[in-house]
């Protein structure tokens, strides 16, 4: 009983994917384009999400590494990313407090101050095309009970309001476990995340506008 209490105190009693490696394959328009790996490590102070990805899109070789750090309440505190294309090597970063963030984007490479959008209480850090921010989103939103948060895109330094859709998709994709729960995002882009309700680990993430699907390899 004492040990269980200490564990709950260290983790804040929050549900989150257990430490370990989570591997995904990516497809666009039904064609495999690459692989993504997320590694979760956790201690009493914070949780670290390390991501690596490699893809071939329209004949271009793309790769990325990213690190996302979350505080005890799962709010992001730090992000760093390194992205490679055939012609560029880009780096971005973000340092966050509960109410503001300093972002160094890939366009200007200069620090930019951003604040929470109106009627939101939390930031999330999501880089389109990468996984780390979407991987942690089901656990974050369930913990915070927020239907809208401020989405930071590190590559551009922009912020937008992320809003969810309470109406679940009518069709469960083939291969998604029958017990999975679903998180449906309306804005700024439509995203559907099917995840294990016991661990909050995503099993499938789909972005219809890009005909893109990430599927967990088990």
Protein backbone atom coordinates (compact mmCIF):
# COMPACT_ATOMS: atom_id res chain seq x y z
CA UNK A 1 0.00 0.00 0.00
CA UNK A 2 2.84 2.41 0.84
CA UNK A 3 4.61 1.59 -2.44
CA UNK A 4 1.42 2.15 -4.44
CA UNK A 5 0.93 5.52 -2.75
CA UNK A 6 4.48 6.56 -3.60
CA UNK A 7 4.00 5.61 -7.25
CA UNK A 8 0.76 7.59 -7.46
CA UNK A 9 2.43 10.57 -5.85
CA UNK A 10 5.33 10.43 -8.30
CA UNK A 11 3.12 10.21 -11.38
CA UNK A 12 0.32 12.44 -10.16
CA UNK A 13 -2.11 9.50 -10.49
CA UNK A 14 -2.36 10.22 -14.23
CA UNK A 15 -2.89 7.67 -16.96
CA UNK A 16 -0.09 7.64 -19.53
CA UNK A 17 1.58 5.12 -21.85
CA UNK A 18 4.10 3.08 -19.83
CA UNK A 19 7.83 3.62 -20.40
CA UNK A 20 9.19 1.81 -23.45
CA UNK A 21 9.40 1.92 -27.22
CA UNK A 22 6.33 2.37 -29.43
CA UNK A 23 6.81 1.69 -33.14
CA UNK A 24 4.60 2.84 -36.00
CA UNK A 25 4.45 2.46 -39.76
CA UNK A 26 3.22 5.34 -41.90
CA UNK A 27 1.16 5.13 -45.08
CA UNK A 28 -0.07 7.76 -47.52
CA UNK A 29 -2.85 6.87 -49.94
CA UNK A 30 -2.39 3.26 -48.87
CA UNK A 31 1.35 3.15 -49.68
CA UNK A 32 3.96 2.62 -46.97
CA UNK A 33 6.23 5.67 -46.71
CA UNK A 34 8.27 5.11 -43.57
CA UNK A 35 8.51 4.35 -39.87
CA UNK A 36 8.25 6.30 -36.63
CA UNK A 37 9.45 5.34 -33.13
CA UNK A 38 8.47 6.98 -29.85
CA UNK A 39 10.36 6.19 -26.65
CA UNK A 40 8.77 7.06 -23.30
CA UNK A 41 10.88 7.56 -20.18
CA UNK A 42 9.49 8.78 -16.89
CA UNK A 43 10.69 9.86 -13.46
CA UNK A 44 9.21 11.65 -10.48
CA UNK A 45 9.72 15.09 -12.02
CA UNK A 46 8.76 14.71 -15.67
CA UNK A 47 8.12 12.52 -18.68
CA UNK A 48 10.30 12.55 -21.80
CA UNK A 49 9.14 11.58 -25.25
CA UNK A 50 11.89 10.91 -27.79
CA UNK A 51 10.90 10.48 -31.43
CA UNK A 52 12.77 9.31 -34.52
CA UNK A 53 11.30 9.05 -37.99
CA UNK A 54 12.40 8.21 -41.50
CA UNK A 55 10.25 8.49 -44.61
CA UNK A 56 10.30 8.68 -48.38
CA UNK A 57 7.61 11.04 -49.69
CA UNK A 58 7.28 11.80 -53.40
CA UNK A 59 10.83 10.59 -53.93
CA UNK A 60 12.27 12.76 -51.14
CA UNK A 61 14.08 11.22 -48.17
CA UNK A 62 12.97 12.86 -44.93
CA UNK A 63 14.09 12.23 -41.36
CA UNK A 64 13.53 13.82 -37.97
CA UNK A 65 14.35 13.54 -34.31
CA UNK A 66 12.42 15.28 -31.56
CA UNK A 67 12.27 15.45 -27.79
CA UNK A 68 9.17 16.54 -25.87
CA UNK A 69 9.29 16.95 -22.10
CA UNK A 70 6.11 16.99 -20.00
CA UNK A 71 5.69 18.14 -16.41
CA UNK A 72 3.98 16.19 -13.65
CA UNK A 73 0.56 17.34 -14.91
CA UNK A 74 1.47 16.32 -18.52
CA UNK A 75 1.76 19.96 -19.62
CA UNK A 76 4.66 20.44 -22.07
CA UNK A 77 7.71 22.22 -20.67
CA UNK A 78 10.30 21.79 -23.44
CA UNK A 79 10.52 20.71 -27.08
CA UNK A 80 13.44 20.39 -29.45
CA UNK A 81 13.43 19.10 -33.01
CA UNK A 82 15.93 18.41 -35.78
CA UNK A 83 14.50 17.86 -39.26
CA UNK A 84 16.31 16.86 -42.47
CA UNK A 85 15.22 17.10 -46.10
CA UNK A 86 17.38 16.56 -49.20
CA UNK A 87 18.26 20.26 -49.19
CA UNK A 88 17.87 21.47 -45.60
CA UNK A 89 18.74 20.71 -41.99
CA UNK A 90 16.40 22.59 -39.65
CA UNK A 91 16.28 22.92 -35.87
CA UNK A 92 13.47 24.24 -33.68
CA UNK A 93 12.81 24.56 -29.96
CA UNK A 94 10.23 25.66 -27.44
CA UNK A 95 10.40 26.48 -23.73
CA UNK A 96 7.01 26.60 -22.06
CA UNK A 97 5.39 27.81 -18.85
CA UNK A 98 1.70 27.30 -18.01
CA UNK A 99 0.77 30.65 -19.63
CA UNK A 100 3.46 31.47 -22.21
CA UNK A 101 6.11 29.97 -24.44
CA UNK A 102 9.33 30.97 -26.18
CA UNK A 103 9.62 29.35 -29.61
CA UNK A 104 12.61 29.34 -31.96
CA UNK A 105 11.15 28.41 -35.34
CA UNK A 106 12.73 27.13 -38.54
CA UNK A 107 11.85 30.27 -40.52
CA UNK A 108 13.47 33.14 -38.61
CA UNK A 109 15.60 31.21 -36.06
CA UNK A 110 14.81 33.97 -33.58
CA UNK A 111 12.98 33.56 -30.24
CA UNK A 112 9.29 34.37 -30.41
CA UNK A 113 6.98 34.84 -27.43
CA UNK A 114 3.51 33.33 -27.62
CA UNK A 115 0.67 33.14 -25.13
CA UNK A 116 -2.39 30.98 -24.56
CA UNK A 117 -5.27 31.46 -26.97
CA UNK A 118 -8.49 32.89 -25.56
CA UNK A 119 -10.56 30.48 -23.46
CA UNK A 120 -7.78 27.87 -23.19
CA UNK A 121 -5.81 26.75 -20.15
CA UNK A 122 -3.08 24.54 -21.63
CA UNK A 123 -0.54 24.34 -24.45
CA UNK A 124 0.13 21.30 -26.59
CA UNK A 125 3.13 21.03 -28.93
CA UNK A 126 2.36 19.30 -32.22
CA UNK A 127 4.51 19.30 -35.32
CA UNK A 128 2.52 18.29 -38.44
CA UNK A 129 4.04 15.14 -39.89
CA UNK A 130 5.60 14.08 -36.59
CA UNK A 131 4.22 11.91 -33.83
CA UNK A 132 5.36 12.99 -30.36
CA UNK A 133 2.69 15.63 -29.71
CA UNK A 134 -0.15 13.51 -31.08
CA UNK A 135 1.09 10.46 -29.16
CA UNK A 136 0.59 12.21 -25.80
CA UNK A 137 -2.62 14.08 -26.72
CA UNK A 138 -5.23 11.50 -25.56
CA UNK A 139 -3.65 11.32 -22.11
CA UNK A 140 -3.30 15.10 -21.86
CA UNK A 141 -6.86 15.96 -22.84
CA UNK A 142 -8.34 13.26 -20.64
CA UNK A 143 -6.30 14.49 -17.67
CA UNK A 144 -7.16 18.15 -18.21
CA UNK A 145 -10.80 17.64 -19.29
CA UNK A 146 -10.25 20.37 -21.88
CA UNK A 147 -12.17 20.46 -25.15
CA UNK A 148 -9.92 23.23 -26.49
CA UNK A 149 -6.21 23.93 -25.99
CA UNK A 150 -3.54 26.09 -27.64
CA UNK A 151 -1.66 24.16 -30.34
CA UNK A 152 1.94 25.34 -30.91
CA UNK A 153 3.65 24.40 -34.19
CA UNK A 154 7.41 24.75 -33.52
CA UNK A 155 8.48 24.82 -37.19
CA UNK A 156 6.50 28.00 -37.86
CA UNK A 157 6.18 29.42 -34.35
CA UNK A 158 2.43 29.74 -34.86
CA UNK A 159 -0.34 29.04 -32.37
CA UNK A 160 -3.89 27.93 -33.10
CA UNK A 161 -6.82 26.66 -31.08
CA UNK A 162 -7.23 22.91 -31.08
CA UNK A 163 -10.84 21.83 -30.65
CA UNK A 164 -12.20 18.33 -30.28
CA UNK A 165 -15.32 16.73 -31.69
CA UNK A 166 -17.47 14.81 -29.22
CA UNK A 167 -19.09 12.90 -32.08
CA UNK A 168 -17.07 9.70 -32.55
CA UNK A 169 -16.47 8.33 -36.06
CA UNK A 170 -19.15 5.85 -37.13
CA UNK A 171 -16.73 3.35 -38.65
CA UNK A 172 -13.95 1.65 -36.72
CA UNK A 173 -11.00 1.00 -39.06
CA UNK A 174 -10.01 -2.58 -39.73
CA UNK A 175 -7.26 -3.65 -37.36
CA UNK A 176 -8.19 -1.21 -34.58
CA UNK A 177 -8.92 -3.20 -31.39
CA UNK A 178 -12.60 -3.38 -30.46
CA UNK A 179 -11.93 -1.91 -27.02
CA UNK A 180 -10.10 1.18 -28.30
CA UNK A 181 -11.42 4.64 -27.48
CA UNK A 182 -11.30 7.47 -30.00
CA UNK A 183 -10.24 11.11 -29.91
CA UNK A 184 -11.56 13.18 -32.81
CA UNK A 185 -10.01 16.60 -33.51
CA UNK A 186 -11.83 19.17 -35.64
CA UNK A 187 -9.40 22.09 -35.77
CA UNK A 188 -6.89 23.28 -36.83
CA UNK A 189 -6.84 20.08 -38.93
CA UNK A 190 -9.00 16.97 -38.74
CA UNK A 191 -7.21 14.15 -36.92
CA UNK A 192 -8.59 10.91 -35.51
CA UNK A 193 -6.68 9.01 -32.81
CA UNK A 194 -7.71 5.49 -31.79
CA UNK A 195 -6.03 4.57 -28.50
CA UNK A 196 -5.93 1.88 -25.84
CA UNK A 197 -8.09 3.24 -22.96
CA UNK A 198 -6.04 1.27 -20.42
CA UNK A 199 -2.64 2.70 -21.41
CA UNK A 200 -3.54 5.72 -23.59
CA UNK A 201 -1.11 4.50 -26.23
CA UNK A 202 -2.38 5.34 -29.75
CA UNK A 203 -2.99 2.36 -32.03
CA UNK A 204 -3.90 4.38 -35.13
CA UNK A 205 -3.66 8.06 -36.06
CA UNK A 206 -5.26 9.25 -39.27
CA UNK A 207 -5.11 12.62 -41.03
CA UNK A 208 -7.72 12.48 -43.83
CA UNK A 209 -6.61 15.70 -45.54
CA UNK A 210 -3.20 14.14 -46.17
CA UNK A 211 -4.50 10.59 -46.77
CA UNK A 212 -2.03 9.66 -44.02
CA UNK A 213 -2.29 6.90 -41.43
CA UNK A 214 0.12 5.92 -38.65
CA UNK A 215 -0.40 2.37 -37.37
CA UNK A 216 1.21 0.92 -34.26
CA UNK A 217 3.33 -2.19 -34.81
CA UNK A 218 2.70 -4.76 -32.09
